[in-house]
mmCIF file of all heavy atoms, coordinates in Angstrom:
data_MODEL
# 
_entry.id   MODEL 
# 
loop_
_atom_site.group_PDB 
_atom_site.id 
_atom_site.type_symbol 
_atom_site.label_atom_id 
_atom_site.label_alt_id 
_atom_site.label_comp_id 
_atom_site.label_asym_id 
_atom_site.label_entity_id 
_atom_site.label_seq_id 
_atom_site.pdbx_PDB_ins_code 
_atom_site.Cartn_x 
_atom_site.Cartn_y 
_atom_site.Cartn_z 
_atom_site.occupancy 
_atom_site.B_iso_or_equiv 
_atom_site.pdbx_formal_charge 
_atom_site.auth_seq_id 
_atom_site.auth_comp_id 
_atom_site.auth_asym_id 
_atom_site.auth_atom_id 
_atom_site.pdbx_PDB_model_num 
ATOM 1   N N   . LEU A 1 1  ? -62.253 61.532 -16.477 1.00 0.00 ? 1  LEU A N   1 
ATOM 2   C CA  . LEU A 1 1  ? -63.082 60.393 -16.846 1.00 0.00 ? 1  LEU A CA  1 
ATOM 3   C C   . LEU A 1 1  ? -64.566 60.677 -16.711 1.00 0.00 ? 1  LEU A C   1 
ATOM 4   O O   . LEU A 1 1  ? -65.385 59.851 -17.098 1.00 0.00 ? 1  LEU A O   1 
ATOM 5   C CB  . LEU A 1 1  ? -62.697 59.164 -16.004 1.00 0.00 ? 1  LEU A CB  1 
ATOM 6   C CG  . LEU A 1 1  ? -61.272 58.663 -16.227 1.00 0.00 ? 1  LEU A CG  1 
ATOM 7   C CD1 . LEU A 1 1  ? -60.985 57.491 -15.306 1.00 0.00 ? 1  LEU A CD1 1 
ATOM 8   C CD2 . LEU A 1 1  ? -61.042 58.265 -17.669 1.00 0.00 ? 1  LEU A CD2 1 
ATOM 9   N N   . ALA A 1 2  ? -64.920 61.830 -16.147 1.00 0.00 ? 2  ALA A N   1 
ATOM 10  C CA  . ALA A 1 2  ? -66.335 62.210 -16.076 1.00 0.00 ? 2  ALA A CA  1 
ATOM 11  C C   . ALA A 1 2  ? -66.812 62.494 -17.491 1.00 0.00 ? 2  ALA A C   1 
ATOM 12  O O   . ALA A 1 2  ? -66.112 63.111 -18.283 1.00 0.00 ? 2  ALA A O   1 
ATOM 13  C CB  . ALA A 1 2  ? -66.503 63.428 -15.188 1.00 0.00 ? 2  ALA A CB  1 
ATOM 14  N N   . LEU A 1 3  ? -68.000 62.035 -17.834 1.00 0.00 ? 3  LEU A N   1 
ATOM 15  C CA  . LEU A 1 3  ? -68.453 62.105 -19.209 1.00 0.00 ? 3  LEU A CA  1 
ATOM 16  C C   . LEU A 1 3  ? -68.969 63.466 -19.630 1.00 0.00 ? 3  LEU A C   1 
ATOM 17  O O   . LEU A 1 3  ? -68.734 63.887 -20.748 1.00 0.00 ? 3  LEU A O   1 
ATOM 18  C CB  . LEU A 1 3  ? -69.527 61.038 -19.450 1.00 0.00 ? 3  LEU A CB  1 
ATOM 19  C CG  . LEU A 1 3  ? -69.072 59.600 -19.278 1.00 0.00 ? 3  LEU A CG  1 
ATOM 20  C CD1 . LEU A 1 3  ? -70.245 58.656 -19.463 1.00 0.00 ? 3  LEU A CD1 1 
ATOM 21  C CD2 . LEU A 1 3  ? -67.973 59.257 -20.258 1.00 0.00 ? 3  LEU A CD2 1 
ATOM 22  N N   . GLU A 1 4  ? -69.658 64.155 -18.780 1.00 0.00 ? 4  GLU A N   1 
ATOM 23  C CA  . GLU A 1 4  ? -70.261 65.419 -19.175 1.00 0.00 ? 4  GLU A CA  1 
ATOM 24  C C   . GLU A 1 4  ? -69.858 66.519 -18.214 1.00 0.00 ? 4  GLU A C   1 
ATOM 25  O O   . GLU A 1 4  ? -69.672 66.289 -17.022 1.00 0.00 ? 4  GLU A O   1 
ATOM 26  C CB  . GLU A 1 4  ? -71.783 65.288 -19.207 1.00 0.00 ? 4  GLU A CB  1 
ATOM 27  C CG  . GLU A 1 4  ? -72.260 64.326 -20.268 1.00 0.00 ? 4  GLU A CG  1 
ATOM 28  C CD  . GLU A 1 4  ? -73.776 64.339 -20.399 1.00 0.00 ? 4  GLU A CD  1 
ATOM 29  O OE1 . GLU A 1 4  ? -74.392 65.380 -20.093 1.00 0.00 ? 4  GLU A OE1 1 
ATOM 30  O OE2 . GLU A 1 4  ? -74.313 63.316 -20.808 1.00 0.00 ? 4  GLU A OE2 1 
ATOM 31  N N   . GLU A 1 5  ? -69.749 67.730 -18.753 1.00 0.00 ? 5  GLU A N   1 
ATOM 32  C CA  . GLU A 1 5  ? -69.346 68.875 -17.943 1.00 0.00 ? 5  GLU A CA  1 
ATOM 33  C C   . GLU A 1 5  ? -70.313 69.118 -16.790 1.00 0.00 ? 5  GLU A C   1 
ATOM 34  O O   . GLU A 1 5  ? -69.902 69.424 -15.676 1.00 0.00 ? 5  GLU A O   1 
ATOM 35  C CB  . GLU A 1 5  ? -69.264 70.112 -18.835 1.00 0.00 ? 5  GLU A CB  1 
ATOM 36  C CG  . GLU A 1 5  ? -68.569 71.272 -18.179 1.00 0.00 ? 5  GLU A CG  1 
ATOM 37  C CD  . GLU A 1 5  ? -68.297 72.388 -19.151 1.00 0.00 ? 5  GLU A CD  1 
ATOM 38  O OE1 . GLU A 1 5  ? -67.733 72.131 -20.224 1.00 0.00 ? 5  GLU A OE1 1 
ATOM 39  O OE2 . GLU A 1 5  ? -68.663 73.523 -18.804 1.00 0.00 ? 5  GLU A OE2 1 
ATOM 40  N N   . GLU A 1 6  ? -71.606 68.955 -17.033 1.00 0.00 ? 6  GLU A N   1 
ATOM 41  C CA  . GLU A 1 6  ? -72.596 69.160 -15.977 1.00 0.00 ? 6  GLU A CA  1 
ATOM 42  C C   . GLU A 1 6  ? -72.410 68.147 -14.854 1.00 0.00 ? 6  GLU A C   1 
ATOM 43  O O   . GLU A 1 6  ? -72.506 68.487 -13.678 1.00 0.00 ? 6  GLU A O   1 
ATOM 44  C CB  . GLU A 1 6  ? -74.011 69.048 -16.551 1.00 0.00 ? 6  GLU A CB  1 
ATOM 45  C CG  . GLU A 1 6  ? -75.091 69.380 -15.547 1.00 0.00 ? 6  GLU A CG  1 
ATOM 46  C CD  . GLU A 1 6  ? -76.478 69.327 -16.170 1.00 0.00 ? 6  GLU A CD  1 
ATOM 47  O OE1 . GLU A 1 6  ? -76.664 69.883 -17.264 1.00 0.00 ? 6  GLU A OE1 1 
ATOM 48  O OE2 . GLU A 1 6  ? -77.351 68.720 -15.541 1.00 0.00 ? 6  GLU A OE2 1 
ATOM 49  N N   . ASP A 1 7  ? -72.124 66.894 -15.225 1.00 0.00 ? 7  ASP A N   1 
ATOM 50  C CA  . ASP A 1 7  ? -71.865 65.871 -14.217 1.00 0.00 ? 7  ASP A CA  1 
ATOM 51  C C   . ASP A 1 7  ? -70.621 66.219 -13.402 1.00 0.00 ? 7  ASP A C   1 
ATOM 52  O O   . ASP A 1 7  ? -70.599 66.036 -12.186 1.00 0.00 ? 7  ASP A O   1 
ATOM 53  C CB  . ASP A 1 7  ? -71.678 64.503 -14.869 1.00 0.00 ? 7  ASP A CB  1 
ATOM 54  C CG  . ASP A 1 7  ? -72.944 63.966 -15.480 1.00 0.00 ? 7  ASP A CG  1 
ATOM 55  O OD1 . ASP A 1 7  ? -74.043 64.419 -15.096 1.00 0.00 ? 7  ASP A OD1 1 
ATOM 56  O OD2 . ASP A 1 7  ? -72.847 63.091 -16.365 1.00 0.00 ? 7  ASP A OD2 1 
ATOM 57  N N   . THR A 1 8  ? -69.598 66.730 -14.080 1.00 0.00 ? 8  THR A N   1 
ATOM 58  C CA  . THR A 1 8  ? -68.368 67.110 -13.395 1.00 0.00 ? 8  THR A CA  1 
ATOM 59  C C   . THR A 1 8  ? -68.638 68.254 -12.422 1.00 0.00 ? 8  THR A C   1 
ATOM 60  O O   . THR A 1 8  ? -68.164 68.233 -11.290 1.00 0.00 ? 8  THR A O   1 
ATOM 61  C CB  . THR A 1 8  ? -67.285 67.518 -14.408 1.00 0.00 ? 8  THR A CB  1 
ATOM 62  O OG1 . THR A 1 8  ? -67.054 66.419 -15.291 1.00 0.00 ? 8  THR A OG1 1 
ATOM 63  C CG2 . THR A 1 8  ? -65.989 67.878 -13.718 1.00 0.00 ? 8  THR A CG2 1 
ATOM 64  N N   . ALA A 1 9  ? -69.413 69.242 -12.860 1.00 0.00 ? 9  ALA A N   1 
ATOM 65  C CA  . ALA A 1 9  ? -69.731 70.381 -11.995 1.00 0.00 ? 9  ALA A CA  1 
ATOM 66  C C   . ALA A 1 9  ? -70.512 69.918 -10.767 1.00 0.00 ? 9  ALA A C   1 
ATOM 67  O O   . ALA A 1 9  ? -70.231 70.346 -9.644  1.00 0.00 ? 9  ALA A O   1 
ATOM 68  C CB  . ALA A 1 9  ? -70.525 71.430 -12.761 1.00 0.00 ? 9  ALA A CB  1 
ATOM 69  N N   . PHE A 1 10 ? -71.489 69.032 -10.983 1.00 0.00 ? 10 PHE A N   1 
ATOM 70  C CA  . PHE A 1 10 ? -72.256 68.493 -9.853  1.00 0.00 ? 10 PHE A CA  1 
ATOM 71  C C   . PHE A 1 10 ? -71.328 67.763 -8.891  1.00 0.00 ? 10 PHE A C   1 
ATOM 72  O O   . PHE A 1 10 ? -71.375 67.965 -7.676  1.00 0.00 ? 10 PHE A O   1 
ATOM 73  C CB  . PHE A 1 10 ? -73.341 67.526 -10.342 1.00 0.00 ? 10 PHE A CB  1 
ATOM 74  C CG  . PHE A 1 10 ? -73.911 66.696 -9.227  1.00 0.00 ? 10 PHE A CG  1 
ATOM 75  C CD1 . PHE A 1 10 ? -74.892 67.206 -8.386  1.00 0.00 ? 10 PHE A CD1 1 
ATOM 76  C CD2 . PHE A 1 10 ? -73.434 65.412 -8.979  1.00 0.00 ? 10 PHE A CD2 1 
ATOM 77  C CE1 . PHE A 1 10 ? -75.394 66.458 -7.337  1.00 0.00 ? 10 PHE A CE1 1 
ATOM 78  C CE2 . PHE A 1 10 ? -73.935 64.658 -7.930  1.00 0.00 ? 10 PHE A CE2 1 
ATOM 79  C CZ  . PHE A 1 10 ? -74.916 65.180 -7.114  1.00 0.00 ? 10 PHE A CZ  1 
ATOM 80  N N   . PHE A 1 11 ? -70.483 66.920 -9.447  1.00 0.00 ? 11 PHE A N   1 
ATOM 81  C CA  . PHE A 1 11 ? -69.601 66.109 -8.621  1.00 0.00 ? 11 PHE A CA  1 
ATOM 82  C C   . PHE A 1 11 ? -68.651 66.978 -7.810  1.00 0.00 ? 11 PHE A C   1 
ATOM 83  O O   . PHE A 1 11 ? -68.441 66.743 -6.616  1.00 0.00 ? 11 PHE A O   1 
ATOM 84  C CB  . PHE A 1 11 ? -68.816 65.125 -9.501  1.00 0.00 ? 11 PHE A CB  1 
ATOM 85  C CG  . PHE A 1 11 ? -67.958 64.199 -8.719  1.00 0.00 ? 11 PHE A CG  1 
ATOM 86  C CD1 . PHE A 1 11 ? -68.520 63.202 -7.944  1.00 0.00 ? 11 PHE A CD1 1 
ATOM 87  C CD2 . PHE A 1 11 ? -66.586 64.332 -8.729  1.00 0.00 ? 11 PHE A CD2 1 
ATOM 88  C CE1 . PHE A 1 11 ? -67.727 62.343 -7.201  1.00 0.00 ? 11 PHE A CE1 1 
ATOM 89  C CE2 . PHE A 1 11 ? -65.794 63.478 -7.987  1.00 0.00 ? 11 PHE A CE2 1 
ATOM 90  C CZ  . PHE A 1 11 ? -66.351 62.491 -7.229  1.00 0.00 ? 11 PHE A CZ  1 
ATOM 91  N N   . MET A 1 12 ? -68.098 68.017 -8.420  1.00 0.00 ? 12 MET A N   1 
ATOM 92  C CA  . MET A 1 12 ? -67.170 68.878 -7.707  1.00 0.00 ? 12 MET A CA  1 
ATOM 93  C C   . MET A 1 12 ? -67.889 69.665 -6.608  1.00 0.00 ? 12 MET A C   1 
ATOM 94  O O   . MET A 1 12 ? -67.352 69.837 -5.518  1.00 0.00 ? 12 MET A O   1 
ATOM 95  C CB  . MET A 1 12 ? -66.456 69.814 -8.681  1.00 0.00 ? 12 MET A CB  1 
ATOM 96  C CG  . MET A 1 12 ? -65.555 69.072 -9.681  1.00 0.00 ? 12 MET A CG  1 
ATOM 97  S SD  . MET A 1 12 ? -64.439 67.855 -8.948  1.00 0.00 ? 12 MET A SD  1 
ATOM 98  C CE  . MET A 1 12 ? -63.398 68.891 -7.968  1.00 0.00 ? 12 MET A CE  1 
ATOM 99  N N   . ASP A 1 13 ? -69.105 70.114 -6.886  1.00 0.00 ? 13 ASP A N   1 
ATOM 100 C CA  . ASP A 1 13 ? -69.901 70.810 -5.868  1.00 0.00 ? 13 ASP A CA  1 
ATOM 101 C C   . ASP A 1 13 ? -70.215 69.859 -4.713  1.00 0.00 ? 13 ASP A C   1 
ATOM 102 O O   . ASP A 1 13 ? -70.128 70.224 -3.538  1.00 0.00 ? 13 ASP A O   1 
ATOM 103 C CB  . ASP A 1 13 ? -71.185 71.357 -6.496  1.00 0.00 ? 13 ASP A CB  1 
ATOM 104 C CG  . ASP A 1 13 ? -71.960 72.276 -5.571  1.00 0.00 ? 13 ASP A CG  1 
ATOM 105 O OD1 . ASP A 1 13 ? -71.344 72.917 -4.695  1.00 0.00 ? 13 ASP A OD1 1 
ATOM 106 O OD2 . ASP A 1 13 ? -73.192 72.369 -5.736  1.00 0.00 ? 13 ASP A OD2 1 
ATOM 107 N N   . PHE A 1 14 ? -70.550 68.629 -5.061  1.00 0.00 ? 14 PHE A N   1 
ATOM 108 C CA  . PHE A 1 14 ? -70.842 67.601 -4.064  1.00 0.00 ? 14 PHE A CA  1 
ATOM 109 C C   . PHE A 1 14 ? -69.611 67.350 -3.189  1.00 0.00 ? 14 PHE A C   1 
ATOM 110 O O   . PHE A 1 14 ? -69.702 67.337 -1.954  1.00 0.00 ? 14 PHE A O   1 
ATOM 111 C CB  . PHE A 1 14 ? -71.288 66.324 -4.778  1.00 0.00 ? 14 PHE A CB  1 
ATOM 112 C CG  . PHE A 1 14 ? -71.628 65.186 -3.871  1.00 0.00 ? 14 PHE A CG  1 
ATOM 113 C CD1 . PHE A 1 14 ? -72.818 65.177 -3.170  1.00 0.00 ? 14 PHE A CD1 1 
ATOM 114 C CD2 . PHE A 1 14 ? -70.765 64.112 -3.735  1.00 0.00 ? 14 PHE A CD2 1 
ATOM 115 C CE1 . PHE A 1 14 ? -73.147 64.110 -2.330  1.00 0.00 ? 14 PHE A CE1 1 
ATOM 116 C CE2 . PHE A 1 14 ? -71.078 63.052 -2.905  1.00 0.00 ? 14 PHE A CE2 1 
ATOM 117 C CZ  . PHE A 1 14 ? -72.271 63.048 -2.207  1.00 0.00 ? 14 PHE A CZ  1 
ATOM 118 N N   . LEU A 1 15 ? -68.446 67.174 -3.818  1.00 0.00 ? 15 LEU A N   1 
ATOM 119 C CA  . LEU A 1 15 ? -67.214 66.933 -3.060  1.00 0.00 ? 15 LEU A CA  1 
ATOM 120 C C   . LEU A 1 15 ? -66.868 68.110 -2.163  1.00 0.00 ? 15 LEU A C   1 
ATOM 121 O O   . LEU A 1 15 ? -66.497 67.940 -1.004  1.00 0.00 ? 15 LEU A O   1 
ATOM 122 C CB  . LEU A 1 15 ? -66.043 66.682 -4.018  1.00 0.00 ? 15 LEU A CB  1 
ATOM 123 C CG  . LEU A 1 15 ? -65.843 65.284 -4.519  1.00 0.00 ? 15 LEU A CG  1 
ATOM 124 C CD1 . LEU A 1 15 ? -64.636 65.243 -5.460  1.00 0.00 ? 15 LEU A CD1 1 
ATOM 125 C CD2 . LEU A 1 15 ? -65.653 64.297 -3.390  1.00 0.00 ? 15 LEU A CD2 1 
ATOM 126 N N   . GLN A 1 16 ? -66.987 69.312 -2.718  1.00 0.00 ? 16 GLN A N   1 
ATOM 127 C CA  . GLN A 1 16 ? -66.670 70.503 -1.940  1.00 0.00 ? 16 GLN A CA  1 
ATOM 128 C C   . GLN A 1 16 ? -67.571 70.594 -0.704  1.00 0.00 ? 16 GLN A C   1 
ATOM 129 O O   . GLN A 1 16 ? -67.110 70.896 0.390   1.00 0.00 ? 16 GLN A O   1 
ATOM 130 C CB  . GLN A 1 16 ? -66.821 71.749 -2.802  1.00 0.00 ? 16 GLN A CB  1 
ATOM 131 C CG  . GLN A 1 16 ? -66.457 73.028 -2.089  1.00 0.00 ? 16 GLN A CG  1 
ATOM 132 C CD  . GLN A 1 16 ? -66.524 74.235 -3.014  1.00 0.00 ? 16 GLN A CD  1 
ATOM 133 O OE1 . GLN A 1 16 ? -66.866 74.126 -4.178  1.00 0.00 ? 16 GLN A OE1 1 
ATOM 134 N NE2 . GLN A 1 16 ? -66.185 75.380 -2.482  1.00 0.00 ? 16 GLN A NE2 1 
ATOM 135 N N   . THR A 1 17 ? -68.840 70.310 -0.894  1.00 0.00 ? 17 THR A N   1 
ATOM 136 C CA  . THR A 1 17 ? -69.776 70.362 0.233   1.00 0.00 ? 17 THR A CA  1 
ATOM 137 C C   . THR A 1 17 ? -69.453 69.276 1.252   1.00 0.00 ? 17 THR A C   1 
ATOM 138 O O   . THR A 1 17 ? -69.510 69.513 2.458   1.00 0.00 ? 17 THR A O   1 
ATOM 139 C CB  . THR A 1 17 ? -71.230 70.241 -0.264  1.00 0.00 ? 17 THR A CB  1 
ATOM 140 O OG1 . THR A 1 17 ? -71.465 71.258 -1.238  1.00 0.00 ? 17 THR A OG1 1 
ATOM 141 C CG2 . THR A 1 17 ? -72.218 70.410 0.876   1.00 0.00 ? 17 THR A CG2 1 
ATOM 142 N N   . LEU A 1 18 ? -69.088 68.083 0.787   1.00 0.00 ? 18 LEU A N   1 
ATOM 143 C CA  . LEU A 1 18 ? -68.699 67.020 1.715   1.00 0.00 ? 18 LEU A CA  1 
ATOM 144 C C   . LEU A 1 18 ? -67.471 67.415 2.530   1.00 0.00 ? 18 LEU A C   1 
ATOM 145 O O   . LEU A 1 18 ? -67.390 67.140 3.721   1.00 0.00 ? 18 LEU A O   1 
ATOM 146 C CB  . LEU A 1 18 ? -68.397 65.725 0.963   1.00 0.00 ? 18 LEU A CB  1 
ATOM 147 C CG  . LEU A 1 18 ? -69.558 64.814 0.637   1.00 0.00 ? 18 LEU A CG  1 
ATOM 148 C CD1 . LEU A 1 18 ? -69.074 63.643 -0.222  1.00 0.00 ? 18 LEU A CD1 1 
ATOM 149 C CD2 . LEU A 1 18 ? -70.244 64.294 1.876   1.00 0.00 ? 18 LEU A CD2 1 
ATOM 150 N N   . LEU A 1 19 ? -66.528 68.069 1.886   1.00 0.00 ? 19 LEU A N   1 
ATOM 151 C CA  . LEU A 1 19 ? -65.286 68.405 2.574   1.00 0.00 ? 19 LEU A CA  1 
ATOM 152 C C   . LEU A 1 19 ? -65.420 69.566 3.547   1.00 0.00 ? 19 LEU A C   1 
ATOM 153 O O   . LEU A 1 19 ? -64.842 69.533 4.627   1.00 0.00 ? 19 LEU A O   1 
ATOM 154 C CB  . LEU A 1 19 ? -64.182 68.719 1.557   1.00 0.00 ? 19 LEU A CB  1 
ATOM 155 C CG  . LEU A 1 19 ? -63.609 67.511 0.834   1.00 0.00 ? 19 LEU A CG  1 
ATOM 156 C CD1 . LEU A 1 19 ? -62.716 67.965 -0.309  1.00 0.00 ? 19 LEU A CD1 1 
ATOM 157 C CD2 . LEU A 1 19 ? -62.824 66.627 1.792   1.00 0.00 ? 19 LEU A CD2 1 
ATOM 158 N N   . VAL A 1 20 ? -66.152 70.599 3.171   1.00 0.00 ? 20 VAL A N   1 
ATOM 159 C CA  . VAL A 1 20 ? -66.146 71.804 3.995   1.00 0.00 ? 20 VAL A CA  1 
ATOM 160 C C   . VAL A 1 20 ? -67.535 72.274 4.421   1.00 0.00 ? 20 VAL A C   1 
ATOM 161 O O   . VAL A 1 20 ? -67.647 73.247 5.166   1.00 0.00 ? 20 VAL A O   1 
ATOM 162 C CB  . VAL A 1 20 ? -65.397 72.967 3.299   1.00 0.00 ? 20 VAL A CB  1 
ATOM 163 C CG1 . VAL A 1 20 ? -63.943 72.627 3.098   1.00 0.00 ? 20 VAL A CG1 1 
ATOM 164 C CG2 . VAL A 1 20 ? -66.044 73.326 1.976   1.00 0.00 ? 20 VAL A CG2 1 
ATOM 165 N N   . GLY A 1 21 ? -68.582 71.624 3.966   1.00 0.00 ? 21 GLY A N   1 
ATOM 166 C CA  . GLY A 1 21 ? -69.936 72.034 4.330   1.00 0.00 ? 21 GLY A CA  1 
ATOM 167 C C   . GLY A 1 21 ? -70.499 71.181 5.450   1.00 0.00 ? 21 GLY A C   1 
ATOM 168 O O   . GLY A 1 21 ? -69.797 70.405 6.076   1.00 0.00 ? 21 GLY A O   1 
ATOM 169 N N   . ASP A 1 22 ? -71.795 71.343 5.687   1.00 0.00 ? 22 ASP A N   1 
ATOM 170 C CA  . ASP A 1 22 ? -72.460 70.477 6.655   1.00 0.00 ? 22 ASP A CA  1 
ATOM 171 C C   . ASP A 1 22 ? -73.475 69.608 5.905   1.00 0.00 ? 22 ASP A C   1 
ATOM 172 O O   . ASP A 1 22 ? -73.808 69.913 4.758   1.00 0.00 ? 22 ASP A O   1 
ATOM 173 C CB  . ASP A 1 22 ? -73.112 71.279 7.790   1.00 0.00 ? 22 ASP A CB  1 
ATOM 174 C CG  . ASP A 1 22 ? -74.213 72.195 7.316   1.00 0.00 ? 22 ASP A CG  1 
ATOM 175 O OD1 . ASP A 1 22 ? -75.169 71.705 6.687   1.00 0.00 ? 22 ASP A OD1 1 
ATOM 176 O OD2 . ASP A 1 22 ? -74.133 73.401 7.610   1.00 0.00 ? 22 ASP A OD2 1 
ATOM 177 N N   . PRO A 1 23 ? -73.943 68.531 6.522   1.00 0.00 ? 23 PRO A N   1 
ATOM 178 C CA  . PRO A 1 23 ? -74.837 67.608 5.803   1.00 0.00 ? 23 PRO A CA  1 
ATOM 179 C C   . PRO A 1 23 ? -76.065 68.281 5.192   1.00 0.00 ? 23 PRO A C   1 
ATOM 180 O O   . PRO A 1 23 ? -76.466 67.951 4.081   1.00 0.00 ? 23 PRO A O   1 
ATOM 181 C CB  . PRO A 1 23 ? -75.239 66.587 6.871   1.00 0.00 ? 23 PRO A CB  1 
ATOM 182 C CG  . PRO A 1 23 ? -74.096 66.592 7.834   1.00 0.00 ? 23 PRO A CG  1 
ATOM 183 C CD  . PRO A 1 23 ? -73.623 68.019 7.859   1.00 0.00 ? 23 PRO A CD  1 
ATOM 184 N N   . GLU A 1 24 ? -76.641 69.252 5.882   1.00 0.00 ? 24 GLU A N   1 
ATOM 185 C CA  . GLU A 1 24 ? -77.840 69.906 5.344   1.00 0.00 ? 24 GLU A CA  1 
ATOM 186 C C   . GLU A 1 24 ? -77.544 70.690 4.066   1.00 0.00 ? 24 GLU A C   1 
ATOM 187 O O   . GLU A 1 24 ? -78.409 70.851 3.215   1.00 0.00 ? 24 GLU A O   1 
ATOM 188 C CB  . GLU A 1 24 ? -78.493 70.800 6.396   1.00 0.00 ? 24 GLU A CB  1 
ATOM 189 C CG  . GLU A 1 24 ? -79.233 70.008 7.460   1.00 0.00 ? 24 GLU A CG  1 
ATOM 190 C CD  . GLU A 1 24 ? -80.229 69.006 6.883   1.00 0.00 ? 24 GLU A CD  1 
ATOM 191 O OE1 . GLU A 1 24 ? -81.042 69.381 6.019   1.00 0.00 ? 24 GLU A OE1 1 
ATOM 192 O OE2 . GLU A 1 24 ? -80.192 67.839 7.308   1.00 0.00 ? 24 GLU A OE2 1 
ATOM 193 N N   . GLU A 1 25 ? -76.309 71.169 3.927   1.00 0.00 ? 25 GLU A N   1 
ATOM 194 C CA  . GLU A 1 25 ? -75.928 71.888 2.710   1.00 0.00 ? 25 GLU A CA  1 
ATOM 195 C C   . GLU A 1 25 ? -75.937 70.961 1.492   1.00 0.00 ? 25 GLU A C   1 
ATOM 196 O O   . GLU A 1 25 ? -76.117 71.423 0.368   1.00 0.00 ? 25 GLU A O   1 
ATOM 197 C CB  . GLU A 1 25 ? -74.554 72.530 2.861   1.00 0.00 ? 25 GLU A CB  1 
ATOM 198 C CG  . GLU A 1 25 ? -74.545 73.733 3.772   1.00 0.00 ? 25 GLU A CG  1 
ATOM 199 C CD  . GLU A 1 25 ? -73.166 74.334 3.918   1.00 0.00 ? 25 GLU A CD  1 
ATOM 200 O OE1 . GLU A 1 25 ? -72.355 73.752 4.666   1.00 0.00 ? 25 GLU A OE1 1 
ATOM 201 O OE2 . GLU A 1 25 ? -72.907 75.368 3.282   1.00 0.00 ? 25 GLU A OE2 1 
ATOM 202 N N   . LEU A 1 26 ? -75.736 69.677 1.720   1.00 0.00 ? 26 LEU A N   1 
ATOM 203 C CA  . LEU A 1 26 ? -75.818 68.718 0.616   1.00 0.00 ? 26 LEU A CA  1 
ATOM 204 C C   . LEU A 1 26 ? -77.227 68.716 0.016   1.00 0.00 ? 26 LEU A C   1 
ATOM 205 O O   . LEU A 1 26 ? -77.401 68.671 -1.194  1.00 0.00 ? 26 LEU A O   1 
ATOM 206 C CB  . LEU A 1 26 ? -75.478 67.304 1.083   1.00 0.00 ? 26 LEU A CB  1 
ATOM 207 C CG  . LEU A 1 26 ? -74.019 67.003 1.379   1.00 0.00 ? 26 LEU A CG  1 
ATOM 208 C CD1 . LEU A 1 26 ? -73.901 65.646 2.063   1.00 0.00 ? 26 LEU A CD1 1 
ATOM 209 C CD2 . LEU A 1 26 ? -73.207 67.036 0.103   1.00 0.00 ? 26 LEU A CD2 1 
ATOM 210 N N   . TYR A 1 27 ? -78.221 68.781 0.905   1.00 0.00 ? 27 TYR A N   1 
ATOM 211 C CA  . TYR A 1 27 ? -79.613 68.664 0.452   1.00 0.00 ? 27 TYR A CA  1 
ATOM 212 C C   . TYR A 1 27 ? -80.164 69.977 -0.082  1.00 0.00 ? 27 TYR A C   1 
ATOM 213 O O   . TYR A 1 27 ? -81.062 69.973 -0.924  1.00 0.00 ? 27 TYR A O   1 
ATOM 214 C CB  . TYR A 1 27 ? -80.490 68.140 1.589   1.00 0.00 ? 27 TYR A CB  1 
ATOM 215 C CG  . TYR A 1 27 ? -79.893 66.893 2.201   1.00 0.00 ? 27 TYR A CG  1 
ATOM 216 C CD1 . TYR A 1 27 ? -79.479 66.864 3.522   1.00 0.00 ? 27 TYR A CD1 1 
ATOM 217 C CD2 . TYR A 1 27 ? -79.683 65.754 1.429   1.00 0.00 ? 27 TYR A CD2 1 
ATOM 218 C CE1 . TYR A 1 27 ? -78.898 65.730 4.066   1.00 0.00 ? 27 TYR A CE1 1 
ATOM 219 C CE2 . TYR A 1 27 ? -79.097 64.613 1.968   1.00 0.00 ? 27 TYR A CE2 1 
ATOM 220 C CZ  . TYR A 1 27 ? -78.707 64.620 3.279   1.00 0.00 ? 27 TYR A CZ  1 
ATOM 221 O OH  . TYR A 1 27 ? -78.127 63.503 3.806   1.00 0.00 ? 27 TYR A OH  1 
ATOM 222 N N   . SER A 1 28 ? -79.609 71.097 0.368   1.00 0.00 ? 28 SER A N   1 
ATOM 223 C CA  . SER A 1 28 ? -80.057 72.382 -0.172  1.00 0.00 ? 28 SER A CA  1 
ATOM 224 C C   . SER A 1 28 ? -79.212 72.803 -1.364  1.00 0.00 ? 28 SER A C   1 
ATOM 225 O O   . SER A 1 28 ? -79.577 73.721 -2.086  1.00 0.00 ? 28 SER A O   1 
ATOM 226 C CB  . SER A 1 28 ? -80.001 73.465 0.916   1.00 0.00 ? 28 SER A CB  1 
ATOM 227 O OG  . SER A 1 28 ? -78.667 73.685 1.336   1.00 0.00 ? 28 SER A OG  1 
ATOM 228 N N   . GLY A 1 29 ? -78.086 72.121 -1.568  1.00 0.00 ? 29 GLY A N   1 
ATOM 229 C CA  . GLY A 1 29 ? -77.182 72.452 -2.667  1.00 0.00 ? 29 GLY A CA  1 
ATOM 230 C C   . GLY A 1 29 ? -77.201 71.404 -3.762  1.00 0.00 ? 29 GLY A C   1 
ATOM 231 O O   . GLY A 1 29 ? -78.185 71.266 -4.494  1.00 0.00 ? 29 GLY A O   1 
ATOM 232 N N   . PRO A 1 30 ? -76.123 70.625 -3.863  1.00 0.00 ? 30 PRO A N   1 
ATOM 233 C CA  . PRO A 1 30 ? -75.971 69.708 -4.997  1.00 0.00 ? 30 PRO A CA  1 
ATOM 234 C C   . PRO A 1 30 ? -77.074 68.650 -5.124  1.00 0.00 ? 30 PRO A C   1 
ATOM 235 O O   . PRO A 1 30 ? -77.390 68.219 -6.226  1.00 0.00 ? 30 PRO A O   1 
ATOM 236 C CB  . PRO A 1 30 ? -74.609 69.060 -4.785  1.00 0.00 ? 30 PRO A CB  1 
ATOM 237 C CG  . PRO A 1 30 ? -74.177 69.413 -3.422  1.00 0.00 ? 30 PRO A CG  1 
ATOM 238 C CD  . PRO A 1 30 ? -74.968 70.591 -2.977  1.00 0.00 ? 30 PRO A CD  1 
# 
């Protein structure tokens, strides 16, 4: 249901960082 591939890539990177990263990785990454 994600509209654009770039949005999907961002969202998946965001989810991956939430699941296995630390909060600071959110701000330096996605």
